[in-house]
N, C-alpha and C. Protein backbone atom coordinates (compact mmCIF):
# COMPACT_ATOMS: atom_id res chain seq x y z
N UNK A 1 -14.74 -31.04 2.48
CA UNK A 1 -14.49 -29.68 2.97
C UNK A 1 -15.55 -28.73 2.40
N UNK A 2 -16.22 -27.94 3.24
CA UNK A 2 -17.25 -27.01 2.75
C UNK A 2 -16.67 -26.00 1.76
N UNK A 3 -17.49 -25.57 0.81
CA UNK A 3 -17.09 -24.57 -0.18
C UNK A 3 -17.55 -23.20 0.28
N UNK A 4 -16.69 -22.19 0.17
CA UNK A 4 -17.05 -20.83 0.59
C UNK A 4 -18.15 -20.27 -0.30
N UNK A 5 -19.16 -19.69 0.34
CA UNK A 5 -20.24 -19.00 -0.38
C UNK A 5 -20.81 -17.93 0.53
N UNK A 6 -21.71 -17.10 -0.02
CA UNK A 6 -22.26 -15.99 0.76
C UNK A 6 -23.22 -16.48 1.84
N UNK A 7 -23.33 -15.67 2.90
CA UNK A 7 -24.37 -15.87 3.90
C UNK A 7 -24.10 -16.99 4.88
N UNK A 8 -25.11 -17.26 5.72
CA UNK A 8 -25.02 -18.31 6.72
C UNK A 8 -25.51 -19.63 6.12
N UNK A 9 -25.03 -20.73 6.69
CA UNK A 9 -25.37 -22.05 6.19
C UNK A 9 -25.72 -22.96 7.36
N UNK A 10 -26.74 -23.78 7.17
CA UNK A 10 -27.20 -24.64 8.26
C UNK A 10 -26.17 -25.70 8.62
N UNK A 11 -25.46 -26.21 7.66
CA UNK A 11 -24.46 -27.24 7.91
C UNK A 11 -23.44 -27.22 6.77
N UNK A 12 -22.30 -27.92 6.93
CA UNK A 12 -21.24 -27.87 5.91
C UNK A 12 -21.67 -28.36 4.54
N UNK A 13 -22.65 -29.23 4.47
CA UNK A 13 -23.09 -29.75 3.18
C UNK A 13 -23.70 -28.65 2.31
N UNK A 14 -24.17 -27.59 2.95
CA UNK A 14 -24.79 -26.48 2.22
C UNK A 14 -23.78 -25.38 1.88
N UNK A 15 -22.52 -25.60 2.23
CA UNK A 15 -21.50 -24.60 2.01
C UNK A 15 -21.08 -23.95 3.31
N UNK A 16 -20.25 -22.92 3.22
CA UNK A 16 -19.76 -22.24 4.42
C UNK A 16 -19.34 -20.82 4.08
N UNK A 17 -19.57 -19.92 5.02
CA UNK A 17 -18.95 -18.61 4.91
C UNK A 17 -17.56 -18.71 5.55
N UNK A 18 -16.80 -17.65 5.45
CA UNK A 18 -15.42 -17.64 5.95
C UNK A 18 -15.35 -18.07 7.41
N UNK A 19 -16.19 -17.48 8.25
CA UNK A 19 -16.11 -17.77 9.67
C UNK A 19 -16.73 -19.12 10.03
N UNK A 20 -17.69 -19.60 9.27
CA UNK A 20 -18.20 -20.96 9.51
C UNK A 20 -17.10 -21.98 9.24
N UNK A 21 -16.33 -21.75 8.19
CA UNK A 21 -15.21 -22.64 7.90
C UNK A 21 -14.16 -22.55 9.01
N UNK A 22 -13.97 -21.36 9.55
CA UNK A 22 -13.04 -21.22 10.68
C UNK A 22 -13.52 -22.03 11.88
N UNK A 23 -14.81 -21.97 12.16
CA UNK A 23 -15.35 -22.76 13.29
C UNK A 23 -15.13 -24.24 13.05
N UNK A 24 -15.28 -24.68 11.83
CA UNK A 24 -15.07 -26.09 11.45
C UNK A 24 -13.62 -26.49 11.70
N UNK A 25 -12.69 -25.68 11.21
CA UNK A 25 -11.27 -26.00 11.37
C UNK A 25 -10.82 -25.92 12.82
N UNK A 26 -11.46 -25.05 13.60
CA UNK A 26 -11.09 -24.90 15.01
C UNK A 26 -11.70 -25.98 15.89
N UNK A 27 -12.57 -26.80 15.33
CA UNK A 27 -13.21 -27.84 16.12
C UNK A 27 -14.33 -27.33 17.00
N UNK A 28 -14.84 -26.13 16.69
CA UNK A 28 -15.96 -25.57 17.45
C UNK A 28 -17.29 -26.02 16.84
N UNK A 29 -18.36 -25.76 17.58
CA UNK A 29 -19.68 -25.98 17.02
C UNK A 29 -19.85 -25.08 15.80
N UNK A 30 -20.53 -25.55 14.78
CA UNK A 30 -20.72 -24.83 13.52
C UNK A 30 -21.39 -23.48 13.77
N UNK A 31 -20.69 -22.41 13.40
CA UNK A 31 -21.20 -21.07 13.67
C UNK A 31 -20.43 -20.05 12.86
N UNK A 32 -21.09 -18.93 12.51
CA UNK A 32 -20.35 -17.85 11.87
C UNK A 32 -19.86 -16.83 12.90
N UNK A 33 -20.08 -17.14 14.20
CA UNK A 33 -19.56 -16.31 15.29
C UNK A 33 -18.76 -17.18 16.27
N UNK A 34 -17.73 -17.86 15.81
CA UNK A 34 -16.99 -18.76 16.70
C UNK A 34 -16.19 -17.99 17.75
N UNK A 35 -15.93 -18.67 18.87
CA UNK A 35 -15.18 -18.05 19.96
C UNK A 35 -13.69 -17.91 19.65
N UNK A 36 -13.22 -18.57 18.60
CA UNK A 36 -11.79 -18.60 18.31
C UNK A 36 -11.26 -17.30 17.70
N UNK A 37 -12.15 -16.36 17.37
CA UNK A 37 -11.73 -15.15 16.66
C UNK A 37 -12.34 -13.91 17.30
N UNK A 38 -11.56 -12.83 17.37
CA UNK A 38 -12.05 -11.54 17.87
C UNK A 38 -13.32 -11.16 17.11
N UNK A 39 -14.38 -10.73 17.82
CA UNK A 39 -15.66 -10.46 17.15
C UNK A 39 -15.58 -9.45 16.02
N UNK A 40 -14.77 -8.40 16.17
CA UNK A 40 -14.70 -7.39 15.11
C UNK A 40 -13.93 -7.91 13.90
N UNK A 41 -12.90 -8.69 14.14
CA UNK A 41 -12.17 -9.30 13.04
C UNK A 41 -13.06 -10.29 12.31
N UNK A 42 -13.85 -11.05 13.07
CA UNK A 42 -14.80 -11.98 12.46
C UNK A 42 -15.84 -11.24 11.63
N UNK A 43 -16.28 -10.09 12.12
CA UNK A 43 -17.25 -9.29 11.37
C UNK A 43 -16.66 -8.84 10.05
N UNK A 44 -15.40 -8.41 10.06
CA UNK A 44 -14.73 -8.02 8.82
C UNK A 44 -14.66 -9.20 7.86
N UNK A 45 -14.31 -10.36 8.37
CA UNK A 45 -14.19 -11.55 7.52
C UNK A 45 -15.54 -11.90 6.88
N UNK A 46 -16.61 -11.81 7.65
CA UNK A 46 -17.94 -12.10 7.10
C UNK A 46 -18.31 -11.09 6.01
N UNK A 47 -18.01 -9.83 6.25
CA UNK A 47 -18.34 -8.80 5.26
C UNK A 47 -17.53 -8.97 3.99
N UNK A 48 -16.26 -9.28 4.12
CA UNK A 48 -15.44 -9.51 2.93
C UNK A 48 -15.95 -10.73 2.17
N UNK A 49 -16.26 -11.79 2.90
CA UNK A 49 -16.80 -13.00 2.28
C UNK A 49 -18.07 -12.71 1.48
N UNK A 50 -18.98 -11.96 2.08
CA UNK A 50 -20.29 -11.74 1.46
C UNK A 50 -20.27 -10.70 0.36
N UNK A 51 -19.23 -9.87 0.32
CA UNK A 51 -19.17 -8.80 -0.68
C UNK A 51 -18.13 -9.05 -1.75
N UNK A 52 -17.61 -10.26 -1.80
CA UNK A 52 -16.63 -10.65 -2.79
C UNK A 52 -17.28 -11.58 -3.81
N UNK A 53 -16.91 -11.45 -5.07
CA UNK A 53 -17.45 -12.30 -6.12
C UNK A 53 -17.07 -13.76 -5.92
N UNK A 54 -17.84 -14.66 -6.54
CA UNK A 54 -17.63 -16.09 -6.34
C UNK A 54 -16.21 -16.53 -6.71
N UNK A 55 -15.70 -16.05 -7.83
CA UNK A 55 -14.37 -16.46 -8.26
C UNK A 55 -13.30 -15.95 -7.30
N UNK A 56 -13.43 -14.72 -6.85
CA UNK A 56 -12.44 -14.15 -5.92
C UNK A 56 -12.56 -14.75 -4.53
N UNK A 57 -13.76 -15.16 -4.15
CA UNK A 57 -13.96 -15.71 -2.80
C UNK A 57 -13.11 -16.96 -2.59
N UNK A 58 -12.92 -17.74 -3.62
CA UNK A 58 -12.11 -18.94 -3.49
C UNK A 58 -10.69 -18.61 -3.06
N UNK A 59 -10.22 -17.40 -3.37
CA UNK A 59 -8.86 -17.00 -3.00
C UNK A 59 -8.75 -16.65 -1.51
N UNK A 60 -9.88 -16.62 -0.81
CA UNK A 60 -9.85 -16.31 0.62
C UNK A 60 -9.59 -17.54 1.48
N UNK A 61 -9.77 -18.73 0.91
CA UNK A 61 -9.73 -19.96 1.70
C UNK A 61 -8.42 -20.09 2.47
N UNK A 62 -7.31 -19.75 1.85
CA UNK A 62 -6.01 -19.95 2.52
C UNK A 62 -5.85 -19.06 3.74
N UNK A 63 -6.69 -18.04 3.88
CA UNK A 63 -6.60 -17.15 5.04
C UNK A 63 -7.33 -17.69 6.26
N UNK A 64 -8.24 -18.63 6.05
CA UNK A 64 -9.10 -19.08 7.15
C UNK A 64 -8.30 -19.61 8.33
N UNK A 65 -7.32 -20.50 8.14
CA UNK A 65 -6.60 -21.00 9.32
C UNK A 65 -5.92 -19.91 10.12
N UNK A 66 -5.47 -18.85 9.45
CA UNK A 66 -4.71 -17.81 10.14
C UNK A 66 -5.57 -16.93 11.04
N UNK A 67 -6.89 -17.03 10.91
CA UNK A 67 -7.77 -16.21 11.75
C UNK A 67 -8.13 -16.93 13.04
N UNK A 68 -7.85 -18.21 13.09
CA UNK A 68 -8.18 -19.03 14.27
C UNK A 68 -7.21 -18.71 15.41
N UNK A 69 -7.75 -18.50 16.59
CA UNK A 69 -6.92 -18.20 17.75
C UNK A 69 -6.67 -16.72 17.98
N UNK A 70 -7.23 -15.88 17.12
CA UNK A 70 -7.05 -14.43 17.28
C UNK A 70 -8.20 -13.86 18.11
N UNK A 71 -8.21 -14.20 19.38
CA UNK A 71 -9.24 -13.73 20.30
C UNK A 71 -8.59 -12.88 21.38
N UNK A 72 -9.24 -11.76 21.72
CA UNK A 72 -8.71 -10.84 22.74
C UNK A 72 -9.82 -9.89 23.15
N UNK A 73 -9.76 -9.44 24.41
CA UNK A 73 -10.71 -8.42 24.86
C UNK A 73 -10.04 -7.06 25.00
N UNK A 74 -8.82 -6.93 24.48
CA UNK A 74 -8.08 -5.66 24.52
C UNK A 74 -8.71 -4.69 23.52
N UNK A 75 -9.15 -3.54 24.00
CA UNK A 75 -9.81 -2.56 23.14
C UNK A 75 -8.87 -2.03 22.06
N UNK A 76 -7.56 -2.15 22.29
CA UNK A 76 -6.61 -1.73 21.25
C UNK A 76 -6.80 -2.53 19.97
N UNK A 77 -7.18 -3.78 20.11
CA UNK A 77 -7.39 -4.61 18.92
C UNK A 77 -8.56 -4.05 18.10
N UNK A 78 -9.65 -3.70 18.77
CA UNK A 78 -10.79 -3.09 18.07
C UNK A 78 -10.36 -1.81 17.37
N UNK A 79 -9.58 -1.00 18.07
CA UNK A 79 -9.17 0.29 17.51
C UNK A 79 -8.25 0.11 16.30
N UNK A 80 -7.34 -0.84 16.37
CA UNK A 80 -6.44 -1.08 15.24
C UNK A 80 -7.22 -1.63 14.04
N UNK A 81 -8.17 -2.51 14.27
CA UNK A 81 -8.98 -3.03 13.17
C UNK A 81 -9.76 -1.90 12.51
N UNK A 82 -10.43 -1.09 13.33
CA UNK A 82 -11.22 0.02 12.79
C UNK A 82 -10.34 0.99 12.01
N UNK A 83 -9.15 1.28 12.55
CA UNK A 83 -8.25 2.23 11.89
C UNK A 83 -7.75 1.69 10.55
N UNK A 84 -7.36 0.43 10.52
CA UNK A 84 -6.87 -0.14 9.26
C UNK A 84 -7.98 -0.15 8.22
N UNK A 85 -9.19 -0.53 8.61
CA UNK A 85 -10.30 -0.55 7.66
C UNK A 85 -10.59 0.85 7.12
N UNK A 86 -10.73 1.81 8.02
CA UNK A 86 -11.10 3.16 7.60
C UNK A 86 -10.02 3.82 6.76
N UNK A 87 -8.75 3.62 7.11
CA UNK A 87 -7.67 4.23 6.34
C UNK A 87 -7.49 3.56 4.99
N UNK A 88 -7.88 2.31 4.87
CA UNK A 88 -7.82 1.62 3.58
C UNK A 88 -8.92 2.12 2.65
N UNK A 89 -10.11 2.30 3.20
CA UNK A 89 -11.26 2.69 2.38
C UNK A 89 -11.30 4.18 2.06
N UNK A 90 -10.85 5.01 2.98
CA UNK A 90 -11.01 6.47 2.83
C UNK A 90 -10.46 7.02 1.52
N UNK A 91 -9.25 6.67 1.09
CA UNK A 91 -8.71 7.27 -0.14
C UNK A 91 -9.44 6.85 -1.42
N UNK A 92 -10.18 5.73 -1.40
CA UNK A 92 -10.82 5.25 -2.62
C UNK A 92 -12.34 5.42 -2.61
N UNK A 93 -12.91 5.72 -1.45
CA UNK A 93 -14.36 5.79 -1.33
C UNK A 93 -14.93 7.00 -2.06
N UNK A 94 -16.20 6.88 -2.44
CA UNK A 94 -16.89 8.00 -3.08
C UNK A 94 -16.98 9.17 -2.11
N UNK A 95 -17.10 10.37 -2.66
CA UNK A 95 -17.08 11.60 -1.86
C UNK A 95 -18.12 11.59 -0.75
N UNK A 96 -19.31 11.03 -1.03
CA UNK A 96 -20.38 11.07 -0.04
C UNK A 96 -20.11 10.16 1.16
N UNK A 97 -19.13 9.28 1.06
CA UNK A 97 -18.79 8.40 2.18
C UNK A 97 -17.54 8.85 2.94
N UNK A 98 -16.84 9.83 2.40
CA UNK A 98 -15.55 10.19 2.97
C UNK A 98 -15.65 10.82 4.35
N UNK A 99 -16.68 11.63 4.59
CA UNK A 99 -16.79 12.27 5.90
C UNK A 99 -16.95 11.23 7.00
N UNK A 100 -17.85 10.28 6.80
CA UNK A 100 -18.07 9.24 7.82
C UNK A 100 -16.81 8.42 8.04
N UNK A 101 -16.09 8.12 6.98
CA UNK A 101 -14.86 7.35 7.12
C UNK A 101 -13.77 8.17 7.81
N UNK A 102 -13.70 9.46 7.50
CA UNK A 102 -12.71 10.31 8.16
C UNK A 102 -13.00 10.42 9.65
N UNK A 103 -14.28 10.52 10.01
CA UNK A 103 -14.66 10.52 11.42
C UNK A 103 -14.25 9.21 12.08
N UNK A 104 -14.41 8.09 11.35
CA UNK A 104 -14.00 6.79 11.89
C UNK A 104 -12.50 6.74 12.13
N UNK A 105 -11.72 7.32 11.23
CA UNK A 105 -10.26 7.38 11.42
C UNK A 105 -9.93 8.15 12.69
N UNK A 106 -10.54 9.30 12.87
CA UNK A 106 -10.25 10.12 14.05
C UNK A 106 -10.69 9.44 15.34
N UNK A 107 -11.83 8.73 15.30
CA UNK A 107 -12.31 8.03 16.49
C UNK A 107 -11.34 6.92 16.89
N UNK A 108 -10.85 6.17 15.91
CA UNK A 108 -9.91 5.11 16.21
C UNK A 108 -8.58 5.67 16.72
N UNK A 109 -8.12 6.74 16.11
CA UNK A 109 -6.88 7.37 16.56
C UNK A 109 -7.02 7.91 17.98
N UNK A 110 -8.15 8.54 18.26
CA UNK A 110 -8.39 9.08 19.60
C UNK A 110 -8.43 7.96 20.64
N UNK A 111 -9.06 6.84 20.29
CA UNK A 111 -9.14 5.72 21.23
C UNK A 111 -7.75 5.15 21.51
N UNK A 112 -6.94 5.00 20.47
CA UNK A 112 -5.59 4.48 20.66
C UNK A 112 -4.75 5.44 21.51
N UNK A 113 -4.89 6.74 21.26
CA UNK A 113 -4.14 7.72 22.07
C UNK A 113 -4.57 7.64 23.53
N UNK A 114 -5.85 7.51 23.75
CA UNK A 114 -6.36 7.43 25.12
C UNK A 114 -5.84 6.18 25.82
N UNK A 115 -5.88 5.04 25.13
CA UNK A 115 -5.43 3.79 25.72
C UNK A 115 -3.92 3.79 25.99
N UNK A 116 -3.18 4.53 25.16
CA UNK A 116 -1.72 4.61 25.33
C UNK A 116 -1.30 5.72 26.29
N UNK A 117 -2.27 6.50 26.77
CA UNK A 117 -1.93 7.62 27.64
C UNK A 117 -1.25 8.75 26.90
N UNK A 118 -1.48 8.85 25.60
CA UNK A 118 -0.87 9.88 24.77
C UNK A 118 -1.80 11.09 24.68
N UNK A 119 -1.29 12.25 24.25
CA UNK A 119 -2.14 13.44 24.14
C UNK A 119 -3.26 13.24 23.12
N UNK A 120 -4.39 13.84 23.39
CA UNK A 120 -5.50 13.82 22.45
C UNK A 120 -5.09 14.47 21.15
N UNK A 121 -5.49 13.89 20.03
CA UNK A 121 -5.12 14.44 18.74
C UNK A 121 -3.91 13.80 18.12
N UNK A 122 -3.26 12.91 18.84
CA UNK A 122 -2.12 12.20 18.24
C UNK A 122 -2.60 11.39 17.04
N UNK A 123 -1.82 11.38 15.98
CA UNK A 123 -2.19 10.64 14.77
C UNK A 123 -1.04 9.74 14.34
N UNK A 124 -1.39 8.56 13.88
CA UNK A 124 -0.40 7.64 13.32
C UNK A 124 -0.05 8.09 11.91
N UNK A 125 1.06 7.58 11.40
CA UNK A 125 1.44 7.89 10.02
C UNK A 125 0.38 7.40 9.04
N UNK A 126 -0.17 6.23 9.32
CA UNK A 126 -1.23 5.69 8.45
C UNK A 126 -2.44 6.61 8.43
N UNK A 127 -2.85 7.08 9.60
CA UNK A 127 -3.99 7.97 9.67
C UNK A 127 -3.74 9.29 8.97
N UNK A 128 -2.56 9.86 9.17
CA UNK A 128 -2.22 11.13 8.52
C UNK A 128 -2.23 11.01 7.00
N UNK A 129 -1.66 9.93 6.48
CA UNK A 129 -1.62 9.74 5.03
C UNK A 129 -3.02 9.63 4.45
N UNK A 130 -3.88 8.89 5.11
CA UNK A 130 -5.25 8.72 4.61
C UNK A 130 -6.00 10.04 4.62
N UNK A 131 -5.86 10.82 5.69
CA UNK A 131 -6.57 12.09 5.80
C UNK A 131 -6.05 13.10 4.77
N UNK A 132 -4.76 13.04 4.47
CA UNK A 132 -4.20 13.96 3.48
C UNK A 132 -4.75 13.71 2.08
N UNK A 133 -5.25 12.50 1.84
CA UNK A 133 -5.83 12.17 0.54
C UNK A 133 -7.17 12.86 0.32
N UNK A 134 -7.84 13.22 1.43
CA UNK A 134 -9.19 13.81 1.32
C UNK A 134 -9.27 15.04 2.23
N UNK A 135 -8.58 16.11 1.91
CA UNK A 135 -8.46 17.26 2.81
C UNK A 135 -9.79 17.89 3.20
N UNK A 136 -10.75 17.97 2.27
CA UNK A 136 -12.04 18.60 2.59
C UNK A 136 -12.78 17.77 3.63
N UNK A 137 -12.88 16.47 3.41
CA UNK A 137 -13.55 15.59 4.36
C UNK A 137 -12.81 15.57 5.69
N UNK A 138 -11.49 15.63 5.63
CA UNK A 138 -10.69 15.62 6.86
C UNK A 138 -10.98 16.86 7.71
N UNK A 139 -11.06 18.03 7.08
CA UNK A 139 -11.37 19.25 7.82
C UNK A 139 -12.75 19.18 8.45
N UNK A 140 -13.73 18.69 7.69
CA UNK A 140 -15.08 18.55 8.23
C UNK A 140 -15.10 17.58 9.41
N UNK A 141 -14.38 16.47 9.26
CA UNK A 141 -14.35 15.46 10.31
C UNK A 141 -13.73 16.00 11.59
N UNK A 142 -12.67 16.79 11.45
CA UNK A 142 -12.03 17.36 12.64
C UNK A 142 -12.96 18.32 13.38
N UNK A 143 -13.74 19.11 12.63
CA UNK A 143 -14.70 20.01 13.28
C UNK A 143 -15.78 19.22 14.01
N UNK A 144 -16.23 18.16 13.37
CA UNK A 144 -17.27 17.32 13.98
C UNK A 144 -16.74 16.60 15.21
N UNK A 145 -15.55 16.04 15.10
CA UNK A 145 -15.02 15.20 16.18
C UNK A 145 -14.67 15.99 17.42
N UNK A 146 -14.36 17.28 17.27
CA UNK A 146 -14.06 18.10 18.45
C UNK A 146 -15.26 18.21 19.38
N UNK A 147 -16.46 18.03 18.81
CA UNK A 147 -17.67 18.17 19.62
C UNK A 147 -18.14 16.84 20.19
N UNK A 148 -17.43 15.76 19.88
CA UNK A 148 -17.89 14.43 20.32
C UNK A 148 -16.77 13.71 21.06
N UNK A 149 -17.11 13.08 22.16
CA UNK A 149 -16.15 12.24 22.90
C UNK A 149 -16.82 10.91 23.15
N UNK A 150 -16.34 9.88 22.49
CA UNK A 150 -16.95 8.57 22.60
C UNK A 150 -16.40 7.82 23.79
N UNK A 151 -17.24 7.02 24.43
CA UNK A 151 -16.80 6.19 25.55
C UNK A 151 -16.17 4.90 25.02
N UNK A 152 -15.44 4.22 25.89
CA UNK A 152 -14.85 2.94 25.50
C UNK A 152 -15.95 1.97 25.06
N UNK A 153 -17.02 1.91 25.82
CA UNK A 153 -18.12 1.00 25.50
C UNK A 153 -18.76 1.39 24.18
N UNK A 154 -18.97 2.70 23.97
CA UNK A 154 -19.58 3.15 22.73
C UNK A 154 -18.70 2.86 21.53
N UNK A 155 -17.39 2.97 21.72
CA UNK A 155 -16.48 2.67 20.61
C UNK A 155 -16.57 1.21 20.23
N UNK A 156 -16.51 0.33 21.23
CA UNK A 156 -16.53 -1.11 20.94
C UNK A 156 -17.86 -1.56 20.34
N UNK A 157 -18.96 -1.03 20.86
CA UNK A 157 -20.28 -1.52 20.43
C UNK A 157 -20.78 -0.87 19.15
N UNK A 158 -20.38 0.39 18.92
CA UNK A 158 -20.97 1.12 17.80
C UNK A 158 -19.92 1.66 16.81
N UNK A 159 -19.00 2.47 17.31
CA UNK A 159 -18.09 3.18 16.40
C UNK A 159 -17.19 2.23 15.61
N UNK A 160 -16.58 1.26 16.28
CA UNK A 160 -15.67 0.35 15.59
C UNK A 160 -16.41 -0.55 14.59
N UNK A 161 -17.52 -1.20 14.98
CA UNK A 161 -18.25 -1.99 13.98
C UNK A 161 -18.76 -1.15 12.81
N UNK A 162 -19.17 0.09 13.10
CA UNK A 162 -19.64 0.98 12.04
C UNK A 162 -18.50 1.32 11.07
N UNK A 163 -17.29 1.51 11.61
CA UNK A 163 -16.14 1.80 10.76
C UNK A 163 -15.86 0.64 9.82
N UNK A 164 -15.94 -0.57 10.32
CA UNK A 164 -15.69 -1.75 9.49
C UNK A 164 -16.75 -1.87 8.40
N UNK A 165 -18.01 -1.70 8.78
CA UNK A 165 -19.11 -1.79 7.81
C UNK A 165 -18.98 -0.71 6.73
N UNK A 166 -18.77 0.52 7.15
CA UNK A 166 -18.62 1.62 6.20
C UNK A 166 -17.44 1.40 5.25
N UNK A 167 -16.38 0.86 5.77
CA UNK A 167 -15.18 0.65 4.97
C UNK A 167 -15.40 -0.38 3.88
N UNK A 168 -16.02 -1.49 4.23
CA UNK A 168 -16.26 -2.53 3.23
C UNK A 168 -17.21 -2.03 2.15
N UNK A 169 -18.27 -1.36 2.56
CA UNK A 169 -19.21 -0.81 1.58
C UNK A 169 -18.52 0.22 0.71
N UNK A 170 -17.69 1.06 1.32
CA UNK A 170 -16.97 2.08 0.56
C UNK A 170 -16.05 1.48 -0.49
N UNK A 171 -15.39 0.39 -0.15
CA UNK A 171 -14.51 -0.28 -1.11
C UNK A 171 -15.32 -0.95 -2.21
N UNK A 172 -16.39 -1.63 -1.83
CA UNK A 172 -17.23 -2.33 -2.81
C UNK A 172 -17.78 -1.37 -3.86
N UNK A 173 -18.17 -0.17 -3.42
CA UNK A 173 -18.79 0.80 -4.32
C UNK A 173 -17.80 1.79 -4.93
N UNK A 174 -16.53 1.63 -4.62
CA UNK A 174 -15.52 2.56 -5.14
C UNK A 174 -15.27 2.34 -6.63
N UNK A 175 -14.91 3.39 -7.32
CA UNK A 175 -14.57 3.31 -8.75
C UNK A 175 -13.10 2.92 -8.90
N UNK A 176 -12.81 1.66 -8.59
CA UNK A 176 -11.46 1.13 -8.71
C UNK A 176 -11.52 -0.14 -9.54
N UNK A 177 -10.40 -0.55 -10.15
CA UNK A 177 -10.43 -1.68 -11.08
C UNK A 177 -10.84 -3.01 -10.44
N UNK A 178 -10.39 -3.29 -9.22
CA UNK A 178 -10.62 -4.60 -8.62
C UNK A 178 -10.91 -4.47 -7.13
N UNK A 179 -12.14 -4.14 -6.77
CA UNK A 179 -12.46 -4.01 -5.34
C UNK A 179 -12.29 -5.32 -4.57
N UNK A 180 -12.51 -6.46 -5.24
CA UNK A 180 -12.32 -7.74 -4.56
C UNK A 180 -10.88 -7.91 -4.08
N UNK A 181 -9.94 -7.49 -4.90
CA UNK A 181 -8.52 -7.60 -4.53
C UNK A 181 -8.20 -6.72 -3.33
N UNK A 182 -8.77 -5.52 -3.28
CA UNK A 182 -8.53 -4.63 -2.15
C UNK A 182 -9.16 -5.18 -0.88
N UNK A 183 -10.35 -5.76 -0.99
CA UNK A 183 -10.99 -6.38 0.18
C UNK A 183 -10.13 -7.53 0.70
N UNK A 184 -9.61 -8.34 -0.22
CA UNK A 184 -8.77 -9.46 0.20
C UNK A 184 -7.50 -8.96 0.88
N UNK A 185 -6.89 -7.93 0.31
CA UNK A 185 -5.69 -7.36 0.92
C UNK A 185 -5.99 -6.79 2.30
N UNK A 186 -7.13 -6.12 2.42
CA UNK A 186 -7.52 -5.57 3.72
C UNK A 186 -7.65 -6.68 4.76
N UNK A 187 -8.30 -7.77 4.40
CA UNK A 187 -8.46 -8.87 5.35
C UNK A 187 -7.11 -9.49 5.69
N UNK A 188 -6.27 -9.70 4.69
CA UNK A 188 -4.93 -10.26 4.93
C UNK A 188 -4.14 -9.39 5.90
N UNK A 189 -4.12 -8.09 5.64
CA UNK A 189 -3.32 -7.18 6.46
C UNK A 189 -3.89 -7.04 7.87
N UNK A 190 -5.20 -7.09 7.99
CA UNK A 190 -5.82 -6.99 9.31
C UNK A 190 -5.53 -8.24 10.13
N UNK A 191 -5.60 -9.41 9.50
CA UNK A 191 -5.26 -10.65 10.20
C UNK A 191 -3.80 -10.61 10.67
N UNK A 192 -2.92 -10.14 9.80
CA UNK A 192 -1.50 -10.06 10.17
C UNK A 192 -1.30 -9.09 11.33
N UNK A 193 -1.96 -7.94 11.28
CA UNK A 193 -1.81 -6.96 12.35
C UNK A 193 -2.35 -7.51 13.67
N UNK A 194 -3.49 -8.19 13.61
CA UNK A 194 -4.07 -8.76 14.83
C UNK A 194 -3.19 -9.87 15.39
N UNK A 195 -2.55 -10.63 14.52
CA UNK A 195 -1.64 -11.68 14.99
C UNK A 195 -0.49 -11.08 15.77
N UNK A 196 0.07 -9.99 15.27
CA UNK A 196 1.16 -9.32 15.97
C UNK A 196 0.66 -8.73 17.29
N UNK A 197 -0.50 -8.09 17.26
CA UNK A 197 -1.05 -7.47 18.47
C UNK A 197 -1.35 -8.50 19.56
N UNK A 198 -1.92 -9.62 19.15
CA UNK A 198 -2.40 -10.61 20.13
C UNK A 198 -1.31 -11.60 20.53
N UNK A 199 -0.52 -12.04 19.56
CA UNK A 199 0.47 -13.08 19.83
C UNK A 199 1.91 -12.58 19.80
N UNK A 200 2.12 -11.36 19.27
CA UNK A 200 3.47 -10.81 19.28
C UNK A 200 4.36 -11.30 18.17
N UNK A 201 3.79 -11.92 17.14
CA UNK A 201 4.60 -12.37 16.01
C UNK A 201 3.74 -12.40 14.77
N UNK A 202 4.38 -12.49 13.61
CA UNK A 202 3.66 -12.55 12.35
C UNK A 202 3.06 -13.94 12.17
N UNK A 203 2.00 -14.06 11.34
CA UNK A 203 1.34 -15.35 11.17
C UNK A 203 2.29 -16.40 10.60
N UNK A 204 2.07 -17.66 11.04
CA UNK A 204 2.77 -18.77 10.41
C UNK A 204 2.08 -19.08 9.10
N UNK A 205 2.64 -19.96 8.30
CA UNK A 205 2.05 -20.25 7.00
C UNK A 205 0.69 -20.87 7.16
N UNK A 206 -0.17 -20.63 6.18
CA UNK A 206 -1.52 -21.17 6.23
C UNK A 206 -1.51 -22.69 6.27
N UNK A 207 -0.60 -23.31 5.53
CA UNK A 207 -0.56 -24.77 5.49
C UNK A 207 -0.24 -25.35 6.86
N UNK A 208 0.72 -24.72 7.57
CA UNK A 208 1.09 -25.21 8.89
C UNK A 208 -0.04 -25.02 9.88
N UNK A 209 -0.71 -23.88 9.79
CA UNK A 209 -1.83 -23.62 10.70
C UNK A 209 -2.96 -24.58 10.43
N UNK A 210 -3.25 -24.85 9.17
CA UNK A 210 -4.35 -25.75 8.83
C UNK A 210 -4.07 -27.14 9.37
N UNK A 211 -2.83 -27.61 9.26
CA UNK A 211 -2.48 -28.92 9.74
C UNK A 211 -2.63 -29.02 11.25
N UNK A 212 -2.35 -27.91 11.94
CA UNK A 212 -2.40 -27.90 13.40
C UNK A 212 -3.80 -27.76 13.95
N UNK A 213 -4.69 -27.15 13.17
CA UNK A 213 -6.00 -26.81 13.73
C UNK A 213 -7.15 -27.64 13.18
N UNK A 214 -6.95 -28.39 12.10
CA UNK A 214 -8.06 -29.15 11.52
C UNK A 214 -8.57 -30.15 12.52
N UNK A 215 -9.89 -30.17 12.71
CA UNK A 215 -10.50 -31.09 13.66
C UNK A 215 -11.91 -31.41 13.16
N UNK A 216 -12.45 -32.56 13.58
CA UNK A 216 -13.80 -32.90 13.11
C UNK A 216 -14.84 -31.96 13.66
N UNK A 217 -15.89 -31.74 12.90
CA UNK A 217 -16.98 -30.85 13.32
C UNK A 217 -17.82 -31.51 14.37
N UNK A 218 -18.31 -30.73 15.35
CA UNK A 218 -19.21 -31.24 16.37
C UNK A 218 -20.64 -31.23 15.83
N UNK A 219 -21.42 -32.11 16.30
CA UNK A 219 -22.83 -32.16 15.89
C UNK A 219 -23.57 -31.03 16.52
């Protein structure tokens, strides 16, 4: 079984990143962009893998089976991933990163409201709590966001991936005791949320999923 390490790997003998191991377990061709996982969720997994210390990275292995099969083209999935990432990072991020993260929260909330046919400006409890932690950045973000209306395509291609990237960097550089633990929790909670969104139920145990999905690697 390949050992988790940073970056891309030519083959399992050289190690594996989180998503390469997922491709292996799913029986797909060796890749860090396998078809078995939503692209934005896979991007989060790669970022967490690469920004986590070696000792903590080993604790991510049990999550790999649970990410397999979480594929969807529903834009709500992108919006929920972006929102969870941004709301997790916003309260702990350094001041210079808070405005961008607050804008990411508002963009994700606006996209979800639009997709649900709800009034513009609707906010989830999660979003409200995160914004209340940083009132100055929240006020600035609201002034900025009133002047911008992102398209569905722009959100999927730029805003959502940017929110995920900013969030991971914000957590890594935050003055908190254990950023690795928060990154792991973020990935766990995002996988669980995506499982509910895509399949309508909470994840099964990692051991059961691993037994069901393990397959030989293709050449």
